[in-house]
């Protein structure tokens, strides 16, 4: 997805492919940090990425107030989702390095 941001024809490329995809499966890893390092070390990484963080309890609250649960959290208890969010935080910290 390409978005024009000025009359000078500068662009922002929004690409959720590799960085975003890593969160979909790395949260199920037993060795999250090590697997995330291997994953991001072997990918074409964009020059810049915007990573948004939020308090895990606030995320849990938002999930519980939605009409539907995101697929990655479907069928999971609040405790299980909290553990996945902790893993996501680790993945995010690793992604920032690369």
PDB file of N, CA and C in Angstrom:
ATOM      1  N   UNK A   1       0.849  -1.156   0.000  1.00  0.00           N
ATOM      2  CA  UNK A   1       0.000   0.000   0.000  1.00  0.00           C
ATOM      3  C   UNK A   1       0.901   1.227   0.000  1.00  0.00           C
ATOM      4  N   UNK A   2       0.681   2.132  -0.921  1.00  0.00           N
ATOM      5  CA  UNK A   2       1.478   3.346  -1.023  1.00  0.00           C
ATOM      6  C   UNK A   2       0.563   4.539  -0.805  1.00  0.00           C
ATOM      7  N   UNK A   3       0.994   5.472   0.038  1.00  0.00           N
ATOM      8  CA  UNK A   3       0.187   6.633   0.375  1.00  0.00           C
ATOM      9  C   UNK A   3       0.991   7.891   0.080  1.00  0.00           C
ATOM     10  N   UNK A   4       0.448   8.804  -0.725  1.00  0.00           N
ATOM     11  CA  UNK A   4       1.125  10.078  -0.969  1.00  0.00           C
ATOM     12  C   UNK A   4       0.953  10.948   0.262  1.00  0.00           C
ATOM     13  N   UNK A   5       2.046  11.626   0.670  1.00  0.00           N
ATOM     14  CA  UNK A   5       1.943  12.448   1.875  1.00  0.00           C
ATOM     15  C   UNK A   5       2.250  13.920   1.635  1.00  0.00           C
ATOM     16  N   UNK A   6       2.691  14.289   0.441  1.00  0.00           N
ATOM     17  CA  UNK A   6       2.943  15.703   0.191  1.00  0.00           C
ATOM     18  C   UNK A   6       2.952  15.980  -1.298  1.00  0.00           C
ATOM     19  N   UNK A   7       2.954  17.257  -1.641  1.00  0.00           N
ATOM     20  CA  UNK A   7       3.020  17.661  -3.051  1.00  0.00           C
ATOM     21  C   UNK A   7       4.401  17.394  -3.639  1.00  0.00           C
ATOM     22  N   UNK A   8       5.382  17.135  -2.793  1.00  0.00           N
ATOM     23  CA  UNK A   8       6.734  16.847  -3.259  1.00  0.00           C
ATOM     24  C   UNK A   8       6.881  15.394  -3.694  1.00  0.00           C
ATOM     25  N   UNK A   9       5.782  14.671  -3.705  1.00  0.00           N
ATOM     26  CA  UNK A   9       5.749  13.272  -4.133  1.00  0.00           C
ATOM     27  C   UNK A   9       6.534  12.343  -3.215  1.00  0.00           C
ATOM     28  N   UNK A  10       6.678  12.726  -1.950  1.00  0.00           N
ATOM     29  CA  UNK A  10       7.231  11.788  -0.972  1.00  0.00           C
ATOM     30  C   UNK A  10       6.191  10.714  -0.736  1.00  0.00           C
ATOM     31  N   UNK A  11       6.618   9.546  -0.379  1.00  0.00           N
ATOM     32  CA  UNK A  11       5.658   8.475  -0.137  1.00  0.00           C
ATOM     33  C   UNK A  11       5.986   7.726   1.145  1.00  0.00           C
ATOM     34  N   UNK A  12       4.963   7.117   1.685  1.00  0.00           N
ATOM     35  CA  UNK A  12       5.135   6.172   2.787  1.00  0.00           C
ATOM     36  C   UNK A  12       4.655   4.839   2.262  1.00  0.00           C
ATOM     37  N   UNK A  13       5.436   3.818   2.440  1.00  0.00           N
ATOM     38  CA  UNK A  13       5.015   2.477   2.030  1.00  0.00           C
ATOM     39  C   UNK A  13       4.597   1.731   3.287  1.00  0.00           C
ATOM     40  N   UNK A  14       3.360   1.311   3.317  1.00  0.00           N
ATOM     41  CA  UNK A  14       2.854   0.536   4.443  1.00  0.00           C
ATOM     42  C   UNK A  14       2.917  -0.935   4.053  1.00  0.00           C
ATOM     43  N   UNK A  15       3.788  -1.682   4.706  1.00  0.00           N
ATOM     44  CA  UNK A  15       3.967  -3.093   4.373  1.00  0.00           C
ATOM     45  C   UNK A  15       3.882  -3.920   5.638  1.00  0.00           C
ATOM     46  N   UNK A  16       2.811  -4.648   5.774  1.00  0.00           N
ATOM     47  CA  UNK A  16       2.649  -5.484   6.959  1.00  0.00           C
ATOM     48  C   UNK A  16       3.127  -6.901   6.703  1.00  0.00           C
ATOM     49  N   UNK A  17       3.794  -7.129   5.618  1.00  0.00           N
ATOM     50  CA  UNK A  17       4.120  -8.494   5.239  1.00  0.00           C
ATOM     51  C   UNK A  17       4.993  -9.211   6.263  1.00  0.00           C
ATOM     52  N   UNK A  18       6.299  -9.077   6.191  1.00  0.00           N
ATOM     53  CA  UNK A  18       7.190  -9.895   7.012  1.00  0.00           C
ATOM     54  C   UNK A  18       7.175  -9.510   8.492  1.00  0.00           C
ATOM     55  N   UNK A  19       7.235  -8.216   8.790  1.00  0.00           N
ATOM     56  CA  UNK A  19       7.249  -7.813  10.193  1.00  0.00           C
ATOM     57  C   UNK A  19       5.960  -8.232  10.886  1.00  0.00           C
ATOM     58  N   UNK A  20       4.858  -7.939  10.270  1.00  0.00           N
ATOM     59  CA  UNK A  20       3.559  -8.268  10.855  1.00  0.00           C
ATOM     60  C   UNK A  20       3.334  -9.776  10.902  1.00  0.00           C
ATOM     61  N   UNK A  21       3.704 -10.466   9.863  1.00  0.00           N
ATOM     62  CA  UNK A  21       3.502 -11.916   9.794  1.00  0.00           C
ATOM     63  C   UNK A  21       4.242 -12.634  10.917  1.00  0.00           C
ATOM     64  N   UNK A  22       5.399 -12.130  11.300  1.00  0.00           N
ATOM     65  CA  UNK A  22       6.166 -12.749  12.378  1.00  0.00           C
ATOM     66  C   UNK A  22       5.382 -12.846  13.677  1.00  0.00           C
ATOM     67  N   UNK A  23       4.566 -11.830  13.954  1.00  0.00           N
ATOM     68  CA  UNK A  23       3.771 -11.849  15.184  1.00  0.00           C
ATOM     69  C   UNK A  23       2.707 -12.942  15.150  1.00  0.00           C
ATOM     70  N   UNK A  24       2.283 -13.330  13.961  1.00  0.00           N
ATOM     71  CA  UNK A  24       1.220 -14.334  13.838  1.00  0.00           C
ATOM     72  C   UNK A  24       1.644 -15.711  14.307  1.00  0.00           C
ATOM     73  N   UNK A  25       2.910 -16.044  14.153  1.00  0.00           N
ATOM     74  CA  UNK A  25       3.334 -17.390  14.536  1.00  0.00           C
ATOM     75  C   UNK A  25       4.407 -17.417  15.624  1.00  0.00           C
ATOM     76  N   UNK A  26       5.187 -16.370  15.756  1.00  0.00           N
ATOM     77  CA  UNK A  26       6.232 -16.371  16.773  1.00  0.00           C
ATOM     78  C   UNK A  26       5.661 -16.382  18.188  1.00  0.00           C
ATOM     79  N   UNK A  27       4.440 -15.896  18.381  1.00  0.00           N
ATOM     80  CA  UNK A  27       3.852 -15.902  19.727  1.00  0.00           C
ATOM     81  C   UNK A  27       3.613 -17.318  20.246  1.00  0.00           C
ATOM     82  N   UNK A  28       3.655 -18.298  19.356  1.00  0.00           N
ATOM     83  CA  UNK A  28       3.459 -19.691  19.770  1.00  0.00           C
ATOM     84  C   UNK A  28       4.774 -20.441  19.969  1.00  0.00           C
ATOM     85  N   UNK A  29       5.880 -19.755  19.800  1.00  0.00           N
ATOM     86  CA  UNK A  29       7.198 -20.366  19.956  1.00  0.00           C
ATOM     87  C   UNK A  29       7.523 -20.598  21.427  1.00  0.00           C
ATOM     88  N   UNK A  30       8.262 -21.647  21.686  1.00  0.00           N
ATOM     89  CA  UNK A  30       8.747 -21.912  23.055  1.00  0.00           C
ATOM     90  C   UNK A  30       9.991 -21.085  23.357  1.00  0.00           C
ATOM     91  N   UNK A  31      10.704 -20.693  22.312  1.00  0.00           N
ATOM     92  CA  UNK A  31      11.929 -19.898  22.443  1.00  0.00           C
ATOM     93  C   UNK A  31      11.733 -18.593  21.663  1.00  0.00           C
ATOM     94  N   UNK A  32      10.830 -17.765  22.138  1.00  0.00           N
ATOM     95  CA  UNK A  32      10.387 -16.591  21.391  1.00  0.00           C
ATOM     96  C   UNK A  32      11.532 -15.679  20.978  1.00  0.00           C
ATOM     97  N   UNK A  33      12.349 -15.271  21.923  1.00  0.00           N
ATOM     98  CA  UNK A  33      13.423 -14.319  21.615  1.00  0.00           C
ATOM     99  C   UNK A  33      14.381 -14.896  20.580  1.00  0.00           C
ATOM    100  N   UNK A  34      14.820 -16.106  20.787  1.00  0.00           N
ATOM    101  CA  UNK A  34      15.776 -16.728  19.865  1.00  0.00           C
ATOM    102  C   UNK A  34      15.154 -16.920  18.474  1.00  0.00           C
ATOM    103  N   UNK A  35      13.917 -17.391  18.431  1.00  0.00           N
ATOM    104  CA  UNK A  35      13.260 -17.603  17.137  1.00  0.00           C
ATOM    105  C   UNK A  35      12.990 -16.287  16.424  1.00  0.00           C
ATOM    106  N   UNK A  36      12.626 -15.259  17.183  1.00  0.00           N
ATOM    107  CA  UNK A  36      12.406 -13.943  16.575  1.00  0.00           C
ATOM    108  C   UNK A  36      13.717 -13.396  16.006  1.00  0.00           C
ATOM    109  N   UNK A  37      14.808 -13.576  16.726  1.00  0.00           N
ATOM    110  CA  UNK A  37      16.109 -13.129  16.219  1.00  0.00           C
ATOM    111  C   UNK A  37      16.468 -13.842  14.923  1.00  0.00           C
ATOM    112  N   UNK A  38      16.257 -15.144  14.877  1.00  0.00           N
ATOM    113  CA  UNK A  38      16.537 -15.904  13.647  1.00  0.00           C
ATOM    114  C   UNK A  38      15.640 -15.436  12.510  1.00  0.00           C
ATOM    115  N   UNK A  39      14.365 -15.261  12.813  1.00  0.00           N
ATOM    116  CA  UNK A  39      13.392 -14.860  11.793  1.00  0.00           C
ATOM    117  C   UNK A  39      13.755 -13.496  11.209  1.00  0.00           C
ATOM    118  N   UNK A  40      13.922 -12.487  12.058  1.00  0.00           N
ATOM    119  CA  UNK A  40      14.186 -11.136  11.556  1.00  0.00           C
ATOM    120  C   UNK A  40      15.589 -10.989  10.975  1.00  0.00           C
ATOM    121  N   UNK A  41      16.515 -11.827  11.389  1.00  0.00           N
ATOM    122  CA  UNK A  41      17.864 -11.783  10.840  1.00  0.00           C
ATOM    123  C   UNK A  41      17.925 -12.327   9.413  1.00  0.00           C
ATOM    124  N   UNK A  42      16.919 -13.076   9.007  1.00  0.00           N
ATOM    125  CA  UNK A  42      16.933 -13.705   7.685  1.00  0.00           C
ATOM    126  C   UNK A  42      15.877 -13.150   6.740  1.00  0.00           C
ATOM    127  N   UNK A  43      15.409 -11.946   6.999  1.00  0.00           N
ATOM    128  CA  UNK A  43      14.368 -11.341   6.174  1.00  0.00           C
ATOM    129  C   UNK A  43      14.828 -10.045   5.549  1.00  0.00           C
ATOM    130  N   UNK A  44      14.199  -9.676   4.453  1.00  0.00           N
ATOM    131  CA  UNK A  44      14.416  -8.317   3.950  1.00  0.00           C
ATOM    132  C   UNK A  44      13.617  -7.362   4.841  1.00  0.00           C
ATOM    133  N   UNK A  45      14.290  -6.607   5.662  1.00  0.00           N
ATOM    134  CA  UNK A  45      13.655  -5.715   6.623  1.00  0.00           C
ATOM    135  C   UNK A  45      13.580  -4.310   6.019  1.00  0.00           C
ATOM    136  N   UNK A  46      12.441  -3.626   6.196  1.00  0.00           N
ATOM    137  CA  UNK A  46      12.335  -2.258   5.666  1.00  0.00           C
ATOM    138  C   UNK A  46      13.284  -1.315   6.392  1.00  0.00           C
ATOM    139  N   UNK A  47      13.579  -0.185   5.770  1.00  0.00           N
ATOM    140  CA  UNK A  47      14.459   0.804   6.391  1.00  0.00           C
ATOM    141  C   UNK A  47      13.867   1.377   7.673  1.00  0.00           C
ATOM    142  N   UNK A  48      12.554   1.501   7.701  1.00  0.00           N
ATOM    143  CA  UNK A  48      11.871   2.066   8.858  1.00  0.00           C
ATOM    144  C   UNK A  48      10.629   1.243   9.176  1.00  0.00           C
ATOM    145  N   UNK A  49      10.269   1.207  10.440  1.00  0.00           N
ATOM    146  CA  UNK A  49       9.033   0.562  10.868  1.00  0.00           C
ATOM    147  C   UNK A  49       8.465   1.359  12.032  1.00  0.00           C
ATOM    148  N   UNK A  50       7.166   1.446  12.069  1.00  0.00           N
ATOM    149  CA  UNK A  50       6.493   2.094  13.187  1.00  0.00           C
ATOM    150  C   UNK A  50       5.909   0.993  14.052  1.00  0.00           C
ATOM    151  N   UNK A  51       6.334   0.961  15.291  1.00  0.00           N
ATOM    152  CA  UNK A  51       5.869  -0.064  16.223  1.00  0.00           C
ATOM    153  C   UNK A  51       5.079   0.640  17.322  1.00  0.00           C
ATOM    154  N   UNK A  52       3.827   0.250  17.474  1.00  0.00           N
ATOM    155  CA  UNK A  52       2.953   0.854  18.479  1.00  0.00           C
ATOM    156  C   UNK A  52       2.804  -0.106  19.654  1.00  0.00           C
ATOM    157  N   UNK A  53       3.037   0.403  20.835  1.00  0.00           N
ATOM    158  CA  UNK A  53       2.916  -0.402  22.052  1.00  0.00           C
ATOM    159  C   UNK A  53       1.731   0.083  22.880  1.00  0.00           C
ATOM    160  N   UNK A  54       1.213  -0.804  23.694  1.00  0.00           N
ATOM    161  CA  UNK A  54       0.114  -0.474  24.587  1.00  0.00           C
ATOM    162  C   UNK A  54       0.205  -1.396  25.797  1.00  0.00           C
ATOM    163  N   UNK A  55      -0.252  -0.928  26.928  1.00  0.00           N
ATOM    164  CA  UNK A  55      -0.264  -1.735  28.140  1.00  0.00           C
ATOM    165  C   UNK A  55      -1.068  -3.017  27.911  1.00  0.00           C
ATOM    166  N   UNK A  56      -0.529  -4.144  28.350  1.00  0.00           N
ATOM    167  CA  UNK A  56      -1.171  -5.443  28.115  1.00  0.00           C
ATOM    168  C   UNK A  56      -2.568  -5.514  28.735  1.00  0.00           C
ATOM    169  N   UNK A  57      -2.751  -4.939  29.915  1.00  0.00           N
ATOM    170  CA  UNK A  57      -4.071  -4.959  30.548  1.00  0.00           C
ATOM    171  C   UNK A  57      -5.091  -4.140  29.754  1.00  0.00           C
ATOM    172  N   UNK A  58      -4.625  -3.053  29.174  1.00  0.00           N
ATOM    173  CA  UNK A  58      -5.514  -2.232  28.345  1.00  0.00           C
ATOM    174  C   UNK A  58      -5.920  -3.000  27.085  1.00  0.00           C
ATOM    175  N   UNK A  59      -4.977  -3.744  26.509  1.00  0.00           N
ATOM    176  CA  UNK A  59      -5.281  -4.561  25.337  1.00  0.00           C
ATOM    177  C   UNK A  59      -6.310  -5.626  25.699  1.00  0.00           C
ATOM    178  N   UNK A  60      -6.108  -6.288  26.836  1.00  0.00           N
ATOM    179  CA  UNK A  60      -7.071  -7.296  27.289  1.00  0.00           C
ATOM    180  C   UNK A  60      -8.463  -6.687  27.446  1.00  0.00           C
ATOM    181  N   UNK A  61      -8.527  -5.508  28.009  1.00  0.00           N
ATOM    182  CA  UNK A  61      -9.803  -4.821  28.191  1.00  0.00           C
ATOM    183  C   UNK A  61     -10.449  -4.525  26.835  1.00  0.00           C
ATOM    184  N   UNK A  62      -9.658  -4.053  25.896  1.00  0.00           N
ATOM    185  CA  UNK A  62     -10.186  -3.753  24.563  1.00  0.00           C
ATOM    186  C   UNK A  62     -10.693  -5.011  23.868  1.00  0.00           C
ATOM    187  N   UNK A  63      -9.950  -6.103  24.010  1.00  0.00           N
ATOM    188  CA  UNK A  63     -10.364  -7.366  23.392  1.00  0.00           C
ATOM    189  C   UNK A  63     -11.699  -7.823  23.969  1.00  0.00           C
ATOM    190  N   UNK A  64     -11.828  -7.713  25.285  1.00  0.00           N
ATOM    191  CA  UNK A  64     -13.066  -8.184  25.921  1.00  0.00           C
ATOM    192  C   UNK A  64     -14.268  -7.323  25.570  1.00  0.00           C
ATOM    193  N   UNK A  65     -14.043  -6.085  25.145  1.00  0.00           N
ATOM    194  CA  UNK A  65     -15.144  -5.188  24.789  1.00  0.00           C
ATOM    195  C   UNK A  65     -15.452  -5.161  23.294  1.00  0.00           C
ATOM    196  N   UNK A  66     -14.762  -5.970  22.506  1.00  0.00           N
ATOM    197  CA  UNK A  66     -15.028  -6.039  21.061  1.00  0.00           C
ATOM    198  C   UNK A  66     -16.213  -6.958  20.782  1.00  0.00           C
ATOM    199  N   UNK A  67     -16.812  -6.755  19.632  1.00  0.00           N
ATOM    200  CA  UNK A  67     -17.900  -7.645  19.212  1.00  0.00           C
ATOM    201  C   UNK A  67     -17.382  -9.019  18.832  1.00  0.00           C
ATOM    202  N   UNK A  68     -16.147  -9.061  18.348  1.00  0.00           N
ATOM    203  CA  UNK A  68     -15.535 -10.344  17.985  1.00  0.00           C
ATOM    204  C   UNK A  68     -14.080 -10.342  18.442  1.00  0.00           C
ATOM    205  N   UNK A  69     -13.562 -11.519  18.695  1.00  0.00           N
ATOM    206  CA  UNK A  69     -12.184 -11.663  19.166  1.00  0.00           C
ATOM    207  C   UNK A  69     -11.280 -11.898  17.950  1.00  0.00           C
ATOM    208  N   UNK A  70     -10.126 -11.234  17.904  1.00  0.00           N
ATOM    209  CA  UNK A  70      -9.191 -11.503  16.810  1.00  0.00           C
ATOM    210  C   UNK A  70      -8.857 -12.992  16.733  1.00  0.00           C
ATOM    211  N   UNK A  71      -8.681 -13.490  15.535  1.00  0.00           N
ATOM    212  CA  UNK A  71      -8.440 -14.921  15.322  1.00  0.00           C
ATOM    213  C   UNK A  71      -7.340 -15.500  16.206  1.00  0.00           C
ATOM    214  N   UNK A  72      -6.268 -14.768  16.385  1.00  0.00           N
ATOM    215  CA  UNK A  72      -5.136 -15.306  17.166  1.00  0.00           C
ATOM    216  C   UNK A  72      -5.478 -15.491  18.641  1.00  0.00           C
ATOM    217  N   UNK A  73      -6.566 -14.877  19.111  1.00  0.00           N
ATOM    218  CA  UNK A  73      -6.965 -15.011  20.511  1.00  0.00           C
ATOM    219  C   UNK A  73      -8.235 -15.836  20.696  1.00  0.00           C
ATOM    220  N   UNK A  74      -8.809 -16.286  19.607  1.00  0.00           N
ATOM    221  CA  UNK A  74     -10.074 -17.029  19.684  1.00  0.00           C
ATOM    222  C   UNK A  74      -9.916 -18.287  20.536  1.00  0.00           C
ATOM    223  N   UNK A  75     -10.867 -18.500  21.443  1.00  0.00           N
ATOM    224  CA  UNK A  75     -10.859 -19.690  22.287  1.00  0.00           C
ATOM    225  C   UNK A  75      -9.863 -19.660  23.431  1.00  0.00           C
ATOM    226  N   UNK A  76      -9.170 -18.544  23.616  1.00  0.00           N
ATOM    227  CA  UNK A  76      -8.159 -18.432  24.670  1.00  0.00           C
ATOM    228  C   UNK A  76      -8.744 -17.708  25.885  1.00  0.00           C
ATOM    229  N   UNK A  77      -8.301 -18.098  27.067  1.00  0.00           N
ATOM    230  CA  UNK A  77      -8.699 -17.407  28.293  1.00  0.00           C
ATOM    231  C   UNK A  77      -7.926 -16.086  28.399  1.00  0.00           C
ATOM    232  N   UNK A  78      -8.344 -15.247  29.316  1.00  0.00           N
ATOM    233  CA  UNK A  78      -7.630 -13.981  29.548  1.00  0.00           C
ATOM    234  C   UNK A  78      -6.178 -14.228  29.941  1.00  0.00           C
ATOM    235  N   UNK A  79      -5.943 -15.242  30.760  1.00  0.00           N
ATOM    236  CA  UNK A  79      -4.568 -15.570  31.163  1.00  0.00           C
ATOM    237  C   UNK A  79      -3.730 -16.008  29.967  1.00  0.00           C
ATOM    238  N   UNK A  80      -4.321 -16.817  29.086  1.00  0.00           N
ATOM    239  CA  UNK A  80      -3.592 -17.277  27.891  1.00  0.00           C
ATOM    240  C   UNK A  80      -3.315 -16.106  26.953  1.00  0.00           C
ATOM    241  N   UNK A  81      -4.265 -15.216  26.801  1.00  0.00           N
ATOM    242  CA  UNK A  81      -4.054 -14.036  25.950  1.00  0.00           C
ATOM    243  C   UNK A  81      -2.964 -13.155  26.548  1.00  0.00           C
ATOM    244  N   UNK A  82      -2.975 -12.992  27.859  1.00  0.00           N
ATOM    245  CA  UNK A  82      -1.950 -12.185  28.526  1.00  0.00           C
ATOM    246  C   UNK A  82      -0.558 -12.759  28.250  1.00  0.00           C
ATOM    247  N   UNK A  83      -0.426 -14.081  28.297  1.00  0.00           N
ATOM    248  CA  UNK A  83       0.862 -14.722  28.001  1.00  0.00           C
ATOM    249  C   UNK A  83       1.279 -14.473  26.550  1.00  0.00           C
ATOM    250  N   UNK A  84       0.329 -14.522  25.627  1.00  0.00           N
ATOM    251  CA  UNK A  84       0.636 -14.232  24.222  1.00  0.00           C
ATOM    252  C   UNK A  84       1.053 -12.773  24.057  1.00  0.00           C
ATOM    253  N   UNK A  85       0.428 -11.883  24.789  1.00  0.00           N
ATOM    254  CA  UNK A  85       0.801 -10.465  24.736  1.00  0.00           C
ATOM    255  C   UNK A  85       2.209 -10.245  25.284  1.00  0.00           C
ATOM    256  N   UNK A  86       2.586 -10.980  26.319  1.00  0.00           N
ATOM    257  CA  UNK A  86       3.955 -10.891  26.843  1.00  0.00           C
ATOM    258  C   UNK A  86       4.953 -11.342  25.779  1.00  0.00           C
ATOM    259  N   UNK A  87       4.609 -12.416  25.061  1.00  0.00           N
ATOM    260  CA  UNK A  87       5.488 -12.884  23.986  1.00  0.00           C
ATOM    261  C   UNK A  87       5.554 -11.855  22.863  1.00  0.00           C
ATOM    262  N   UNK A  88       4.424 -11.216  22.569  1.00  0.00           N
ATOM    263  CA  UNK A  88       4.400 -10.178  21.527  1.00  0.00           C
ATOM    264  C   UNK A  88       5.333  -9.031  21.881  1.00  0.00           C
ATOM    265  N   UNK A  89       5.390  -8.702  23.163  1.00  0.00           N
ATOM    266  CA  UNK A  89       6.277  -7.639  23.625  1.00  0.00           C
ATOM    267  C   UNK A  89       7.739  -8.013  23.377  1.00  0.00           C
ATOM    268  N   UNK A  90       8.092  -9.256  23.606  1.00  0.00           N
ATOM    269  CA  UNK A  90       9.455  -9.738  23.341  1.00  0.00           C
ATOM    270  C   UNK A  90       9.756  -9.646  21.845  1.00  0.00           C
ATOM    271  N   UNK A  91       8.804 -10.100  21.028  1.00  0.00           N
ATOM    272  CA  UNK A  91       8.977 -10.056  19.574  1.00  0.00           C
ATOM    273  C   UNK A  91       9.170  -8.621  19.115  1.00  0.00           C
ATOM    274  N   UNK A  92       8.389  -7.719  19.675  1.00  0.00           N
ATOM    275  CA  UNK A  92       8.482  -6.295  19.343  1.00  0.00           C
ATOM    276  C   UNK A  92       9.864  -5.746  19.690  1.00  0.00           C
ATOM    277  N   UNK A  93      10.366  -6.097  20.867  1.00  0.00           N
ATOM    278  CA  UNK A  93      11.703  -5.641  21.272  1.00  0.00           C
ATOM    279  C   UNK A  93      12.778  -6.158  20.324  1.00  0.00           C
ATOM    280  N   UNK A  94      12.641  -7.397  19.882  1.00  0.00           N
ATOM    281  CA  UNK A  94      13.612  -7.941  18.921  1.00  0.00           C
ATOM    282  C   UNK A  94      13.486  -7.238  17.585  1.00  0.00           C
ATOM    283  N   UNK A  95      12.265  -7.012  17.120  1.00  0.00           N
ATOM    284  CA  UNK A  95      12.050  -6.351  15.821  1.00  0.00           C
ATOM    285  C   UNK A  95      12.664  -4.957  15.806  1.00  0.00           C
ATOM    286  N   UNK A  96      12.629  -4.267  16.938  1.00  0.00           N
ATOM    287  CA  UNK A  96      13.206  -2.920  17.012  1.00  0.00           C
ATOM    288  C   UNK A  96      14.709  -2.930  16.718  1.00  0.00           C
ATOM    289  N   UNK A  97      15.373  -4.020  17.082  1.00  0.00           N
ATOM    290  CA  UNK A  97      16.825  -4.125  16.875  1.00  0.00           C
ATOM    291  C   UNK A  97      17.155  -4.223  15.383  1.00  0.00           C
ATOM    292  N   UNK A  98      16.314  -4.928  14.671  1.00  0.00           N
ATOM    293  CA  UNK A  98      16.584  -5.151  13.252  1.00  0.00           C
ATOM    294  C   UNK A  98      16.004  -4.052  12.394  1.00  0.00           C
TER     295      UNK A  98
END
